[in-house]
Amino acid sequence: MTFWKPHALANPHPNQLDLRMGDRVESTADLDGVPSGTAGKVILANGFNWQRYRVLFVNGIEHGDLDQRNLKPVGRAAKRLEKLAKQR
């Protein structure tokens, strides 16, 4: 599986997901070939004005240009983001 290095200036703005490469996620909407609730792994986190992610889902489908409208963090990623939200 190929992993890409994100651009150095790719940082999320307030109210955007702050996922990292390797974070586990779940789809929150039906995508082409990926039903809602399907687990996946972030393989690219990139974007300047709009933080977006490329995700490889467990059913073998890969989708790009996904954000908080399509994904929710699960596992360690969810715990990390909860902790960050409490600190702010």
PDB file of N, CA and C in Angstrom:
ATOM      1  N   MET A   1       0.846  -1.167   0.000  1.00  0.00           N
ATOM      2  CA  MET A   1       0.000   0.000   0.000  1.00  0.00           C
ATOM      3  C   MET A   1       0.893   1.232   0.000  1.00  0.00           C
ATOM      4  N   THR A   2       0.554   2.213  -0.805  1.00  0.00           N
ATOM      5  CA  THR A   2       1.325   3.440  -0.919  1.00  0.00           C
ATOM      6  C   THR A   2       0.853   4.471   0.088  1.00  0.00           C
ATOM      7  N   PHE A   3       1.793   5.117   0.783  1.00  0.00           N
ATOM      8  CA  PHE A   3       1.496   6.239   1.664  1.00  0.00           C
ATOM      9  C   PHE A   3       2.174   7.462   1.091  1.00  0.00           C
ATOM     10  N   TRP A   4       1.482   8.612   1.124  1.00  0.00           N
ATOM     11  CA  TRP A   4       2.039   9.848   0.618  1.00  0.00           C
ATOM     12  C   TRP A   4       2.377  10.765   1.775  1.00  0.00           C
ATOM     13  N   LYS A   5       3.402  11.553   1.612  1.00  0.00           N
ATOM     14  CA  LYS A   5       3.782  12.520   2.639  1.00  0.00           C
ATOM     15  C   LYS A   5       2.924  13.771   2.459  1.00  0.00           C
ATOM     16  N   PRO A   6       2.247  14.234   3.526  1.00  0.00           N
ATOM     17  CA  PRO A   6       1.434  15.445   3.396  1.00  0.00           C
ATOM     18  C   PRO A   6       2.308  16.681   3.249  1.00  0.00           C
ATOM     19  N   HIS A   7       1.766  17.698   2.623  1.00  0.00           N
ATOM     20  CA  HIS A   7       2.469  18.967   2.463  1.00  0.00           C
ATOM     21  C   HIS A   7       2.673  19.600   3.834  1.00  0.00           C
ATOM     22  N   ALA A   8       3.776  20.294   4.016  1.00  0.00           N
ATOM     23  CA  ALA A   8       4.120  20.898   5.311  1.00  0.00           C
ATOM     24  C   ALA A   8       3.090  21.932   5.772  1.00  0.00           C
ATOM     25  N   LEU A   9       2.385  22.571   4.854  1.00  0.00           N
ATOM     26  CA  LEU A   9       1.399  23.588   5.219  1.00  0.00           C
ATOM     27  C   LEU A   9      -0.015  23.042   5.335  1.00  0.00           C
ATOM     28  N   ALA A  10      -0.176  21.738   5.228  1.00  0.00           N
ATOM     29  CA  ALA A  10      -1.506  21.129   5.294  1.00  0.00           C
ATOM     30  C   ALA A  10      -1.922  20.987   6.758  1.00  0.00           C
ATOM     31  N   ASN A  11      -2.697  21.941   7.231  1.00  0.00           N
ATOM     32  CA  ASN A  11      -3.197  21.928   8.608  1.00  0.00           C
ATOM     33  C   ASN A  11      -4.686  22.219   8.602  1.00  0.00           C
ATOM     34  N   PRO A  12      -5.439  21.543   9.465  1.00  0.00           N
ATOM     35  CA  PRO A  12      -6.886  21.791   9.505  1.00  0.00           C
ATOM     36  C   PRO A  12      -7.224  23.120  10.169  1.00  0.00           C
ATOM     37  N   HIS A  13      -8.314  23.708   9.728  1.00  0.00           N
ATOM     38  CA  HIS A  13      -8.856  24.918  10.328  1.00  0.00           C
ATOM     39  C   HIS A  13      -9.826  24.516  11.426  1.00  0.00           C
ATOM     40  N   PRO A  14     -10.272  25.472  12.234  1.00  0.00           N
ATOM     41  CA  PRO A  14     -11.271  25.119  13.258  1.00  0.00           C
ATOM     42  C   PRO A  14     -12.492  24.445  12.623  1.00  0.00           C
ATOM     43  N   ASN A  15     -13.081  23.509  13.333  1.00  0.00           N
ATOM     44  CA  ASN A  15     -14.256  22.741  12.899  1.00  0.00           C
ATOM     45  C   ASN A  15     -13.969  21.753  11.779  1.00  0.00           C
ATOM     46  N   GLN A  16     -12.701  21.479  11.503  1.00  0.00           N
ATOM     47  CA  GLN A  16     -12.345  20.439  10.540  1.00  0.00           C
ATOM     48  C   GLN A  16     -11.719  19.275  11.303  1.00  0.00           C
ATOM     49  N   LEU A  17     -11.845  18.093  10.762  1.00  0.00           N
ATOM     50  CA  LEU A  17     -11.202  16.929  11.369  1.00  0.00           C
ATOM     51  C   LEU A  17      -9.692  17.080  11.310  1.00  0.00           C
ATOM     52  N   ASP A  18      -9.019  16.671  12.352  1.00  0.00           N
ATOM     53  CA  ASP A  18      -7.559  16.720  12.395  1.00  0.00           C
ATOM     54  C   ASP A  18      -7.032  15.294  12.464  1.00  0.00           C
ATOM     55  N   LEU A  19      -7.145  14.594  11.350  1.00  0.00           N
ATOM     56  CA  LEU A  19      -6.701  13.204  11.285  1.00  0.00           C
ATOM     57  C   LEU A  19      -5.255  13.134  10.818  1.00  0.00           C
ATOM     58  N   ARG A  20      -4.623  12.037  11.156  1.00  0.00           N
ATOM     59  CA  ARG A  20      -3.250  11.778  10.728  1.00  0.00           C
ATOM     60  C   ARG A  20      -3.233  10.531   9.856  1.00  0.00           C
ATOM     61  N   MET A  21      -2.158  10.391   9.112  1.00  0.00           N
ATOM     62  CA  MET A  21      -2.005   9.186   8.312  1.00  0.00           C
ATOM     63  C   MET A  21      -1.975   7.984   9.244  1.00  0.00           C
ATOM     64  N   GLY A  22      -2.717   6.953   8.891  1.00  0.00           N
ATOM     65  CA  GLY A  22      -2.783   5.750   9.698  1.00  0.00           C
ATOM     66  C   GLY A  22      -3.956   5.721  10.659  1.00  0.00           C
ATOM     67  N   ASP A  23      -4.633   6.872  10.866  1.00  0.00           N
ATOM     68  CA  ASP A  23      -5.793   6.898  11.753  1.00  0.00           C
ATOM     69  C   ASP A  23      -6.905   6.020  11.203  1.00  0.00           C
ATOM     70  N   ARG A  24      -7.630   5.393  12.108  1.00  0.00           N
ATOM     71  CA  ARG A  24      -8.783   4.571  11.745  1.00  0.00           C
ATOM     72  C   ARG A  24     -10.025   5.449  11.713  1.00  0.00           C
ATOM     73  N   VAL A  25     -10.850   5.255  10.688  1.00  0.00           N
ATOM     74  CA  VAL A  25     -12.066   6.038  10.511  1.00  0.00           C
ATOM     75  C   VAL A  25     -13.213   5.126  10.106  1.00  0.00           C
ATOM     76  N   GLU A  26     -14.387   5.706  10.059  1.00  0.00           N
ATOM     77  CA  GLU A  26     -15.588   5.003   9.621  1.00  0.00           C
ATOM     78  C   GLU A  26     -16.372   5.954   8.730  1.00  0.00           C
ATOM     79  N   SER A  27     -16.933   5.436   7.644  1.00  0.00           N
ATOM     80  CA  SER A  27     -17.729   6.285   6.757  1.00  0.00           C
ATOM     81  C   SER A  27     -19.059   6.617   7.430  1.00  0.00           C
ATOM     82  N   THR A  28     -19.489   7.866   7.293  1.00  0.00           N
ATOM     83  CA  THR A  28     -20.761   8.291   7.876  1.00  0.00           C
ATOM     84  C   THR A  28     -21.822   8.497   6.802  1.00  0.00           C
ATOM     85  N   ALA A  29     -21.447   8.298   5.562  1.00  0.00           N
ATOM     86  CA  ALA A  29     -22.367   8.445   4.439  1.00  0.00           C
ATOM     87  C   ALA A  29     -22.078   7.332   3.438  1.00  0.00           C
ATOM     88  N   ASP A  30     -23.078   6.981   2.644  1.00  0.00           N
ATOM     89  CA  ASP A  30     -22.862   6.006   1.580  1.00  0.00           C
ATOM     90  C   ASP A  30     -22.001   6.639   0.499  1.00  0.00           C
ATOM     91  N   LEU A  31     -20.897   5.997   0.182  1.00  0.00           N
ATOM     92  CA  LEU A  31     -20.006   6.431  -0.888  1.00  0.00           C
ATOM     93  C   LEU A  31     -20.050   5.387  -1.991  1.00  0.00           C
ATOM     94  N   ASP A  32     -19.534   5.710  -3.148  1.00  0.00           N
ATOM     95  CA  ASP A  32     -19.527   4.770  -4.258  1.00  0.00           C
ATOM     96  C   ASP A  32     -18.742   3.512  -3.874  1.00  0.00           C
ATOM     97  N   GLY A  33     -19.432   2.400  -3.677  1.00  0.00           N
ATOM     98  CA  GLY A  33     -18.795   1.147  -3.310  1.00  0.00           C
ATOM     99  C   GLY A  33     -18.511   0.987  -1.829  1.00  0.00           C
ATOM    100  N   VAL A  34     -18.872   2.001  -1.029  1.00  0.00           N
ATOM    101  CA  VAL A  34     -18.599   1.961   0.408  1.00  0.00           C
ATOM    102  C   VAL A  34     -19.870   2.335   1.163  1.00  0.00           C
ATOM    103  N   PRO A  35     -20.537   1.351   1.777  1.00  0.00           N
ATOM    104  CA  PRO A  35     -21.737   1.679   2.549  1.00  0.00           C
ATOM    105  C   PRO A  35     -21.382   2.430   3.836  1.00  0.00           C
ATOM    106  N   SER A  36     -22.334   3.177   4.334  1.00  0.00           N
ATOM    107  CA  SER A  36     -22.160   3.898   5.592  1.00  0.00           C
ATOM    108  C   SER A  36     -21.794   2.919   6.701  1.00  0.00           C
ATOM    109  N   GLY A  37     -20.838   3.302   7.534  1.00  0.00           N
ATOM    110  CA  GLY A  37     -20.406   2.455   8.632  1.00  0.00           C
ATOM    111  C   GLY A  37     -19.211   1.584   8.319  1.00  0.00           C
ATOM    112  N   THR A  38     -18.684   1.666   7.101  1.00  0.00           N
ATOM    113  CA  THR A  38     -17.528   0.854   6.719  1.00  0.00           C
ATOM    114  C   THR A  38     -16.257   1.441   7.324  1.00  0.00           C
ATOM    115  N   ALA A  39     -15.428   0.584   7.900  1.00  0.00           N
ATOM    116  CA  ALA A  39     -14.169   1.012   8.508  1.00  0.00           C
ATOM    117  C   ALA A  39     -13.111   1.233   7.440  1.00  0.00           C
ATOM    118  N   GLY A  40     -12.154   2.116   7.745  1.00  0.00           N
ATOM    119  CA  GLY A  40     -11.064   2.386   6.829  1.00  0.00           C
ATOM    120  C   GLY A  40      -9.877   2.983   7.547  1.00  0.00           C
ATOM    121  N   LYS A  41      -8.818   3.253   6.769  1.00  0.00           N
ATOM    122  CA  LYS A  41      -7.571   3.794   7.302  1.00  0.00           C
ATOM    123  C   LYS A  41      -7.136   4.973   6.439  1.00  0.00           C
ATOM    124  N   VAL A  42      -6.760   6.079   7.069  1.00  0.00           N
ATOM    125  CA  VAL A  42      -6.310   7.275   6.351  1.00  0.00           C
ATOM    126  C   VAL A  42      -4.936   6.994   5.749  1.00  0.00           C
ATOM    127  N   ILE A  43      -4.811   7.183   4.432  1.00  0.00           N
ATOM    128  CA  ILE A  43      -3.521   6.987   3.766  1.00  0.00           C
ATOM    129  C   ILE A  43      -2.949   8.294   3.239  1.00  0.00           C
ATOM    130  N   LEU A  44      -3.733   9.384   3.303  1.00  0.00           N
ATOM    131  CA  LEU A  44      -3.227  10.714   2.953  1.00  0.00           C
ATOM    132  C   LEU A  44      -4.066  11.763   3.658  1.00  0.00           C
ATOM    133  N   ALA A  45      -3.398  12.702   4.305  1.00  0.00           N
ATOM    134  CA  ALA A  45      -4.051  13.849   4.938  1.00  0.00           C
ATOM    135  C   ALA A  45      -3.418  15.090   4.321  1.00  0.00           C
ATOM    136  N   ASN A  46      -4.203  15.869   3.576  1.00  0.00           N
ATOM    137  CA  ASN A  46      -3.622  16.968   2.821  1.00  0.00           C
ATOM    138  C   ASN A  46      -4.641  18.069   2.606  1.00  0.00           C
ATOM    139  N   GLY A  47      -4.181  19.228   2.184  1.00  0.00           N
ATOM    140  CA  GLY A  47      -5.049  20.332   1.838  1.00  0.00           C
ATOM    141  C   GLY A  47      -4.625  21.624   2.517  1.00  0.00           C
ATOM    142  N   PHE A  48      -4.822  22.754   1.848  1.00  0.00           N
ATOM    143  CA  PHE A  48      -4.486  24.063   2.407  1.00  0.00           C
ATOM    144  C   PHE A  48      -5.721  24.697   3.031  1.00  0.00           C
ATOM    145  N   ASN A  49      -6.700  25.046   2.222  1.00  0.00           N
ATOM    146  CA  ASN A  49      -7.939  25.660   2.711  1.00  0.00           C
ATOM    147  C   ASN A  49      -8.939  24.634   3.194  1.00  0.00           C
ATOM    148  N   TRP A  50      -8.854  23.454   2.663  1.00  0.00           N
ATOM    149  CA  TRP A  50      -9.829  22.417   2.967  1.00  0.00           C
ATOM    150  C   TRP A  50      -9.067  21.133   3.269  1.00  0.00           C
ATOM    151  N   GLN A  51      -9.023  20.755   4.531  1.00  0.00           N
ATOM    152  CA  GLN A  51      -8.329  19.541   4.918  1.00  0.00           C
ATOM    153  C   GLN A  51      -9.143  18.340   4.454  1.00  0.00           C
ATOM    154  N   ARG A  52      -8.537  17.487   3.664  1.00  0.00           N
ATOM    155  CA  ARG A  52      -9.232  16.331   3.122  1.00  0.00           C
ATOM    156  C   ARG A  52      -8.341  15.096   3.242  1.00  0.00           C
ATOM    157  N   TYR A  53      -8.984  13.955   3.117  1.00  0.00           N
ATOM    158  CA  TYR A  53      -8.298  12.707   3.387  1.00  0.00           C
ATOM    159  C   TYR A  53      -8.569  11.685   2.297  1.00  0.00           C
ATOM    160  N   ARG A  54      -7.565  10.836   2.062  1.00  0.00           N
ATOM    161  CA  ARG A  54      -7.716   9.687   1.179  1.00  0.00           C
ATOM    162  C   ARG A  54      -7.739   8.484   2.106  1.00  0.00           C
ATOM    163  N   VAL A  55      -8.750   7.646   1.927  1.00  0.00           N
ATOM    164  CA  VAL A  55      -8.978   6.531   2.845  1.00  0.00           C
ATOM    165  C   VAL A  55      -9.062   5.223   2.065  1.00  0.00           C
ATOM    166  N   LEU A  56      -8.395   4.210   2.595  1.00  0.00           N
ATOM    167  CA  LEU A  56      -8.518   2.856   2.072  1.00  0.00           C
ATOM    168  C   LEU A  56      -9.462   2.121   3.006  1.00  0.00           C
ATOM    169  N   PHE A  57     -10.612   1.711   2.486  1.00  0.00           N
ATOM    170  CA  PHE A  57     -11.619   1.029   3.290  1.00  0.00           C
ATOM    171  C   PHE A  57     -11.351  -0.475   3.316  1.00  0.00           C
ATOM    172  N   VAL A  58     -11.905  -1.154   4.316  1.00  0.00           N
ATOM    173  CA  VAL A  58     -11.636  -2.582   4.512  1.00  0.00           C
ATOM    174  C   VAL A  58     -12.138  -3.444   3.362  1.00  0.00           C
ATOM    175  N   ASN A  59     -13.081  -2.933   2.573  1.00  0.00           N
ATOM    176  CA  ASN A  59     -13.573  -3.713   1.431  1.00  0.00           C
ATOM    177  C   ASN A  59     -12.711  -3.507   0.178  1.00  0.00           C
ATOM    178  N   GLY A  60     -11.559  -2.810   0.334  1.00  0.00           N
ATOM    179  CA  GLY A  60     -10.618  -2.648  -0.768  1.00  0.00           C
ATOM    180  C   GLY A  60     -10.835  -1.409  -1.616  1.00  0.00           C
ATOM    181  N   ILE A  61     -11.887  -0.650  -1.351  1.00  0.00           N
ATOM    182  CA  ILE A  61     -12.170   0.571  -2.115  1.00  0.00           C
ATOM    183  C   ILE A  61     -11.402   1.731  -1.497  1.00  0.00           C
ATOM    184  N   GLU A  62     -10.811   2.554  -2.351  1.00  0.00           N
ATOM    185  CA  GLU A  62     -10.058   3.737  -1.917  1.00  0.00           C
ATOM    186  C   GLU A  62     -10.787   4.982  -2.411  1.00  0.00           C
ATOM    187  N   HIS A  63     -11.002   5.932  -1.510  1.00  0.00           N
ATOM    188  CA  HIS A  63     -11.661   7.187  -1.867  1.00  0.00           C
ATOM    189  C   HIS A  63     -10.828   8.361  -1.398  1.00  0.00           C
ATOM    190  N   GLY A  64     -10.829   9.439  -2.183  1.00  0.00           N
ATOM    191  CA  GLY A  64     -10.152  10.672  -1.813  1.00  0.00           C
ATOM    192  C   GLY A  64     -11.146  11.795  -1.616  1.00  0.00           C
ATOM    193  N   ASP A  65     -10.655  12.959  -1.227  1.00  0.00           N
ATOM    194  CA  ASP A  65     -11.462  14.166  -1.015  1.00  0.00           C
ATOM    195  C   ASP A  65     -12.560  13.957   0.020  1.00  0.00           C
ATOM    196  N   LEU A  66     -12.257  13.223   1.081  1.00  0.00           N
ATOM    197  CA  LEU A  66     -13.217  12.991   2.152  1.00  0.00           C
ATOM    198  C   LEU A  66     -12.892  13.909   3.325  1.00  0.00           C
ATOM    199  N   ASP A  67     -13.916  14.338   4.047  1.00  0.00           N
ATOM    200  CA  ASP A  67     -13.728  15.207   5.207  1.00  0.00           C
ATOM    201  C   ASP A  67     -14.738  14.862   6.278  1.00  0.00           C
ATOM    202  N   GLN A  68     -14.983  15.795   7.208  1.00  0.00           N
ATOM    203  CA  GLN A  68     -15.889  15.545   8.332  1.00  0.00           C
ATOM    204  C   GLN A  68     -17.318  15.249   7.892  1.00  0.00           C
ATOM    205  N   ARG A  69     -17.674  15.559   6.663  1.00  0.00           N
ATOM    206  CA  ARG A  69     -19.006  15.230   6.157  1.00  0.00           C
ATOM    207  C   ARG A  69     -19.149  13.751   5.838  1.00  0.00           C
ATOM    208  N   ASN A  70     -18.019  13.068   5.608  1.00  0.00           N
ATOM    209  CA  ASN A  70     -18.030  11.671   5.183  1.00  0.00           C
ATOM    210  C   ASN A  70     -17.396  10.712   6.169  1.00  0.00           C
ATOM    211  N   LEU A  71     -16.637  11.231   7.139  1.00  0.00           N
ATOM    212  CA  LEU A  71     -15.845  10.380   8.018  1.00  0.00           C
ATOM    213  C   LEU A  71     -16.039  10.732   9.481  1.00  0.00           C
ATOM    214  N   LYS A  72     -15.843   9.728  10.313  1.00  0.00           N
ATOM    215  CA  LYS A  72     -15.727   9.981  11.744  1.00  0.00           C
ATOM    216  C   LYS A  72     -14.568   9.141  12.257  1.00  0.00           C
ATOM    217  N   PRO A  73     -13.780   9.695  13.161  1.00  0.00           N
ATOM    218  CA  PRO A  73     -12.651   8.941  13.701  1.00  0.00           C
ATOM    219  C   PRO A  73     -13.141   7.850  14.653  1.00  0.00           C
ATOM    220  N   VAL A  74     -12.405   6.761  14.717  1.00  0.00           N
ATOM    221  CA  VAL A  74     -12.710   5.678  15.649  1.00  0.00           C
ATOM    222  C   VAL A  74     -11.422   5.242  16.342  1.00  0.00           C
ATOM    223  N   GLY A  75     -11.570   4.580  17.458  1.00  0.00           N
ATOM    224  CA  GLY A  75     -10.405   4.049  18.177  1.00  0.00           C
ATOM    225  C   GLY A  75      -9.525   5.143  18.743  1.00  0.00           C
ATOM    226  N   ARG A  76      -8.236   4.974  18.570  1.00  0.00           N
ATOM    227  CA  ARG A  76      -7.252   5.920  19.120  1.00  0.00           C
ATOM    228  C   ARG A  76      -7.412   7.330  18.555  1.00  0.00           C
ATOM    229  N   ALA A  77      -7.765   7.424  17.294  1.00  0.00           N
ATOM    230  CA  ALA A  77      -7.949   8.745  16.685  1.00  0.00           C
ATOM    231  C   ALA A  77      -9.077   9.500  17.373  1.00  0.00           C
ATOM    232  N   ALA A  78     -10.169   8.819  17.682  1.00  0.00           N
ATOM    233  CA  ALA A  78     -11.303   9.457  18.358  1.00  0.00           C
ATOM    234  C   ALA A  78     -10.901   9.913  19.757  1.00  0.00           C
ATOM    235  N   LYS A  79     -10.162   9.083  20.459  1.00  0.00           N
ATOM    236  CA  LYS A  79      -9.707   9.450  21.800  1.00  0.00           C
ATOM    237  C   LYS A  79      -8.770  10.647  21.757  1.00  0.00           C
ATOM    238  N   ARG A  80      -7.850  10.669  20.780  1.00  0.00           N
ATOM    239  CA  ARG A  80      -6.907  11.784  20.650  1.00  0.00           C
ATOM    240  C   ARG A  80      -7.647  13.083  20.370  1.00  0.00           C
ATOM    241  N   LEU A  81      -8.638  13.041  19.478  1.00  0.00           N
ATOM    242  CA  LEU A  81      -9.387  14.244  19.136  1.00  0.00           C
ATOM    243  C   LEU A  81     -10.259  14.721  20.300  1.00  0.00           C
ATOM    244  N   GLU A  82     -10.804  13.803  21.087  1.00  0.00           N
ATOM    245  CA  GLU A  82     -11.564  14.182  22.284  1.00  0.00           C
ATOM    246  C   GLU A  82     -10.668  14.904  23.276  1.00  0.00           C
ATOM    247  N   LYS A  83      -9.471  14.382  23.447  1.00  0.00           N
ATOM    248  CA  LYS A  83      -8.503  14.988  24.371  1.00  0.00           C
ATOM    249  C   LYS A  83      -8.125  16.388  23.901  1.00  0.00           C
ATOM    250  N   LEU A  84      -7.886  16.554  22.608  1.00  0.00           N
ATOM    251  CA  LEU A  84      -7.557  17.874  22.060  1.00  0.00           C
ATOM    252  C   LEU A  84      -8.702  18.862  22.242  1.00  0.00           C
ATOM    253  N   ALA A  85      -9.931  18.406  22.057  1.00  0.00           N
ATOM    254  CA  ALA A  85     -11.089  19.273  22.214  1.00  0.00           C
ATOM    255  C   ALA A  85     -11.240  19.757  23.654  1.00  0.00           C
ATOM    256  N   LYS A  86     -10.929  18.897  24.612  1.00  0.00           N
ATOM    257  CA  LYS A  86     -11.010  19.284  26.021  1.00  0.00           C
ATOM    258  C   LYS A  86      -9.941  20.306  26.384  1.00  0.00           C
ATOM    259  N   GLN A  87      -8.792  20.243  25.722  1.00  0.00           N
ATOM    260  CA  GLN A  87      -7.691  21.167  26.004  1.00  0.00           C
ATOM    261  C   GLN A  87      -7.969  22.567  25.477  1.00  0.00           C
ATOM    262  N   ARG A  88      -8.831  22.695  24.493  1.00  0.00           N
ATOM    263  CA  ARG A  88      -9.098  23.995  23.868  1.00  0.00           C
ATOM    264  C   ARG A  88     -10.091  24.775  24.615  1.00  0.00           C
TER     265      ARG A  88
END
